[in-house]
Structures are given as structure tokens and as C-alpha cells.
Amino acid sequence: MKTPILFKNLLSYFGALILAVFSLCVIRCTPPPPTPPPPASDTYKSKLITKEEARVLFDEYSRTNNMVLTKARNGNPDSRWYWFSLEEMEGYIQYVKENADKQNLKDVGIRIYLGKYPENQPKERMAKPEFAGYQTVFLMPTSKMTQDSISSRQRRGVITDENQDVENIQPMNMMNLSPPPNSMTSTMN
């Protein structure tokens, strides 16, 4: 018995249809390749300084501010440097960016504040217990103020820059620092 031509063509069309549906499913189910992150800004390049310029800043601080602190601490110098790992900094920057995006904040930055650990600071809130009583730094997210905020502060006589602390994104501390006498305070590594 001979197979009718219509039936042969129908099987071919049906096979092609199944192959097309399968191909579309495979293509549609494959996630698109990840979008590469935007290139990092290179504006930092204009703010780089030489090691010699860094030395001038360090020496000037040693000659002035650090001398005042050392006298106030009865000859005991205060901390001189602070250290975060790159992974911690990158993670914190990502945390700030994600939270700022959720809040639609503009011109987000990080302000570095000076602080000092109280003598009775809980040990688990410092990188090391011997840091009690030494100065530290902490990072505070900032964003550009609205024009209303700027005008309000100017009317009250508050002199400020155009950035404000973002108080609902947590600051970061708990880095390593160099409290004397564990390191030489008159040298820059």
C-alpha cells in the first residue's frame, strides 16, 4: 500500500513544527548574557599625588596636629594610620550604591569622619581591644542636598557643602589602625 503524498508532507511539517518549538524553547529559556558593569570613572586620576607629596602631608600633620594630640595625651601619641581591605571597601561601596539606588539618591559619596574610641568601648565593636582610647575614622554615606535643604541651611546661617549625610545607610568602622607604641609614629611606611 502506498502512503498518500499529503500524509508524507504532513509528517514533515509536523516534525519541522516540533523542531521549531523546541528551538524556540531552548533560545527563550537561555538567560541573556550578563550586562557588563559600566566602566569605572577615571576622575580619580587628577587627584593622585606623588609619594613625596604624601610625605609632605604626613610630616605637616606630625609637626602640628599630632604634636597637639601627643601633648594632650601626656606624651602618648595617638593613632596615625587606618586600614580597610580592598574587599571591605568594595563591599561597602556596593552596599551604599544599592541602598542609594533604592532611595533614588543623587551624587552619592562617602565622607570620612574622625572619631575616637571611648576607653570603655565594647571589645566586639573594635577590630582589636587595644584600640580603646585611640582616634579612628569612620565612613559615612552622603548624597547631594536638594535646593530646599541648601536654602534652609543658608537661612539659618549654617555653612555647609552641598552634600548631606545619609543617616539611613549605615556608616562603616572597625578597621585596623596603628596605635602607638606598636608602630613608629614618626615614619610613613
Protein backbone atom coordinates (compact mmCIF):
# COMPACT_ATOMS: atom_id res chain seq x y z
CA MET A 1 0.00 0.00 0.00
CA LYS A 2 1.24 3.39 -0.96
CA THR A 3 1.41 6.33 1.55
CA PRO A 4 -0.51 9.31 0.29
CA ILE A 5 1.60 12.41 -0.53
CA LEU A 6 -0.49 14.60 1.78
CA PHE A 7 0.29 12.35 4.73
CA LYS A 8 4.07 12.39 3.96
CA ASN A 9 4.05 16.19 3.81
CA LEU A 10 2.00 16.41 7.00
CA LEU A 11 4.58 14.32 8.87
CA SER A 12 7.37 16.53 7.52
CA TYR A 13 5.51 19.70 8.54
CA PHE A 14 4.70 18.27 11.95
CA GLY A 15 8.37 17.31 12.50
CA ALA A 16 9.51 20.79 11.44
CA LEU A 17 6.95 22.37 13.78
CA ILE A 18 8.18 20.30 16.76
CA LEU A 19 11.80 21.20 15.93
CA ALA A 20 10.90 24.90 15.70
CA VAL A 21 9.01 24.87 19.03
CA PHE A 22 11.90 23.04 20.71
CA SER A 23 14.42 25.53 19.28
CA LEU A 24 12.37 28.49 20.46
CA CYS A 25 12.09 26.99 23.96
CA VAL A 26 15.84 26.48 24.17
CA ILE A 27 16.56 30.00 22.93
CA ARG A 28 13.92 31.59 25.20
CA CYS A 29 14.98 29.58 28.28
CA THR A 30 18.62 30.56 27.97
CA PRO A 31 19.24 33.66 30.11
CA PRO A 32 20.75 36.61 28.30
CA PRO A 33 24.44 37.18 28.88
CA PRO A 34 25.12 39.44 31.87
CA THR A 35 25.47 43.11 31.12
CA PRO A 36 28.99 44.25 31.91
CA PRO A 37 29.19 46.91 34.63
CA PRO A 38 29.76 50.44 33.40
CA PRO A 39 33.41 51.39 33.23
CA ALA A 40 34.76 52.96 36.39
CA SER A 41 35.25 56.68 36.31
CA ASP A 42 38.80 57.83 35.87
CA THR A 43 38.26 61.22 37.54
CA TYR A 44 40.37 59.98 40.44
CA LYS A 45 43.45 60.25 38.21
CA SER A 46 43.51 64.05 38.53
CA LYS A 47 43.57 63.63 42.33
CA LEU A 48 46.53 61.28 42.58
CA ILE A 49 49.56 62.63 44.43
CA THR A 50 53.17 61.55 44.47
CA LYS A 51 54.78 59.76 47.39
CA GLU A 52 56.75 62.95 48.02
CA GLU A 53 53.52 64.98 48.27
CA ALA A 54 52.10 62.36 50.63
CA ARG A 55 55.24 62.69 52.74
CA VAL A 56 54.75 66.48 52.97
CA LEU A 57 51.18 65.94 54.23
CA PHE A 58 52.33 63.32 56.75
CA ASP A 59 55.19 65.48 58.02
CA GLU A 60 52.97 68.57 58.34
CA TYR A 61 50.44 66.57 60.36
CA SER A 62 53.26 65.20 62.54
CA ARG A 63 54.67 68.69 63.14
CA THR A 64 51.32 70.27 64.01
CA ASN A 65 48.18 68.27 64.85
CA ASN A 66 49.96 65.18 66.13
CA MET A 67 52.11 67.28 68.46
CA VAL A 68 48.97 68.82 69.99
CA LEU A 69 47.39 65.38 70.42
CA THR A 70 50.57 63.94 71.94
CA LYS A 71 50.76 66.80 74.49
CA ALA A 72 47.06 66.36 75.35
CA ARG A 73 47.68 62.63 75.84
CA ASN A 74 50.59 63.29 78.27
CA GLY A 75 53.25 62.36 75.72
CA ASN A 76 51.43 59.28 74.41
CA PRO A 77 50.93 59.71 70.63
CA ASP A 78 47.63 58.86 69.01
CA SER A 79 46.95 56.55 66.07
CA ARG A 80 48.45 57.62 62.74
CA TRP A 81 47.01 55.39 60.04
CA TYR A 82 43.85 53.40 59.35
CA TRP A 83 43.43 50.40 57.07
CA PHE A 84 40.49 48.73 55.28
CA SER A 85 40.98 45.80 52.90
CA LEU A 86 40.02 46.37 49.27
CA GLU A 87 37.35 43.68 49.62
CA GLU A 88 35.79 45.52 52.57
CA MET A 89 35.88 48.84 50.71
CA GLU A 90 34.42 47.33 47.53
CA GLY A 91 31.71 45.57 49.54
CA TYR A 92 30.84 48.73 51.46
CA ILE A 93 30.75 50.82 48.28
CA GLN A 94 28.40 48.25 46.70
CA TYR A 95 26.20 48.32 49.84
CA VAL A 96 26.00 52.13 49.68
CA LYS A 97 25.26 52.12 45.93
CA GLU A 98 22.47 49.53 46.25
CA ASN A 99 20.79 51.36 49.15
CA ALA A 100 21.19 54.75 47.46
CA ASP A 101 19.61 53.37 44.27
CA LYS A 102 16.62 52.09 46.29
CA GLN A 103 16.19 55.62 47.69
CA ASN A 104 16.83 57.37 44.35
CA LEU A 105 19.67 59.40 45.89
CA LYS A 106 21.82 61.52 43.57
CA ASP A 107 25.55 62.26 43.63
CA VAL A 108 26.29 59.68 46.31
CA GLY A 109 29.66 59.83 48.04
CA ILE A 110 31.42 58.80 51.22
CA ARG A 111 32.60 61.28 53.84
CA ILE A 112 35.45 60.27 56.16
CA TYR A 113 34.94 61.41 59.74
CA LEU A 114 37.48 61.40 62.55
CA GLY A 115 36.37 59.79 65.78
CA LYS A 116 37.80 58.35 68.98
CA TYR A 117 37.04 55.07 70.73
CA PRO A 118 35.95 55.63 74.34
CA GLU A 119 38.11 53.89 76.94
CA ASN A 120 35.13 51.65 77.75
CA GLN A 121 34.30 50.83 74.09
CA PRO A 122 32.92 47.25 73.85
CA LYS A 123 35.68 44.98 72.57
CA GLU A 124 33.43 43.48 69.86
CA ARG A 125 32.87 46.97 68.36
CA MET A 126 36.58 47.46 67.54
CA ALA A 127 38.93 45.43 65.36
CA LYS A 128 41.20 44.91 68.40
CA PRO A 129 40.63 45.61 72.11
CA GLU A 130 43.84 47.68 72.40
CA PHE A 131 42.29 50.35 70.16
CA ALA A 132 40.25 51.75 73.10
CA GLY A 133 41.15 55.39 73.68
CA TYR A 134 42.66 55.95 70.22
CA GLN A 135 41.33 58.05 67.38
CA THR A 136 39.72 56.27 64.46
CA VAL A 137 37.92 57.11 61.24
CA PHE A 138 34.52 56.02 60.04
CA LEU A 139 32.88 56.21 56.64
CA MET A 140 29.51 57.96 56.24
CA PRO A 141 27.46 57.82 53.03
CA THR A 142 26.42 61.22 51.64
CA SER A 143 24.21 62.49 48.85
CA LYS A 144 23.63 65.83 47.21
CA MET A 145 21.20 68.04 49.10
CA THR A 146 18.04 69.29 47.49
CA GLN A 147 17.86 73.01 46.74
CA ASP A 148 15.27 73.37 49.53
CA SER A 149 17.70 71.88 52.07
CA ILE A 150 20.51 74.16 50.93
CA SER A 151 18.29 77.27 51.13
CA SER A 152 17.03 76.29 54.58
CA ARG A 153 20.56 75.86 55.95
CA GLN A 154 21.73 79.12 54.41
CA ARG A 155 18.80 81.00 56.02
CA ARG A 156 19.78 79.56 59.42
CA GLY A 157 23.39 80.63 58.85
CA VAL A 158 24.71 77.08 58.67
CA ILE A 159 27.70 76.98 56.34
CA THR A 160 27.86 73.66 54.60
CA ASP A 161 28.79 71.98 51.39
CA GLU A 162 26.14 70.68 49.06
CA ASN A 163 26.29 67.14 50.47
CA GLN A 164 24.47 65.72 53.44
CA ASP A 165 24.96 62.57 55.47
CA VAL A 166 22.57 59.76 54.56
CA GLU A 167 21.55 58.62 58.01
CA ASN A 168 19.50 55.59 56.97
CA ILE A 169 22.50 53.86 55.35
CA GLN A 170 24.88 52.57 58.00
CA PRO A 171 28.37 54.06 58.42
CA MET A 172 31.41 51.74 58.50
CA ASN A 173 34.23 51.45 61.04
CA MET A 174 36.06 48.52 62.67
CA MET A 175 39.20 48.76 60.55
CA ASN A 176 42.76 48.17 61.57
CA LEU A 177 44.72 51.13 62.88
CA SER A 178 48.14 51.78 64.27
CA PRO A 179 48.05 52.83 67.88
CA PRO A 180 51.45 53.54 69.37
CA PRO A 181 53.63 52.12 70.75
CA ASN A 182 53.02 49.22 68.35
CA SER A 183 54.41 51.19 65.43
CA MET A 184 56.66 54.11 64.83
CA THR A 185 54.58 57.24 64.51
CA SER A 186 57.27 59.42 63.01
CA THR A 187 57.58 57.36 59.83
CA MET A 188 55.30 56.68 56.93
CA ASN A 189 55.59 53.13 55.60
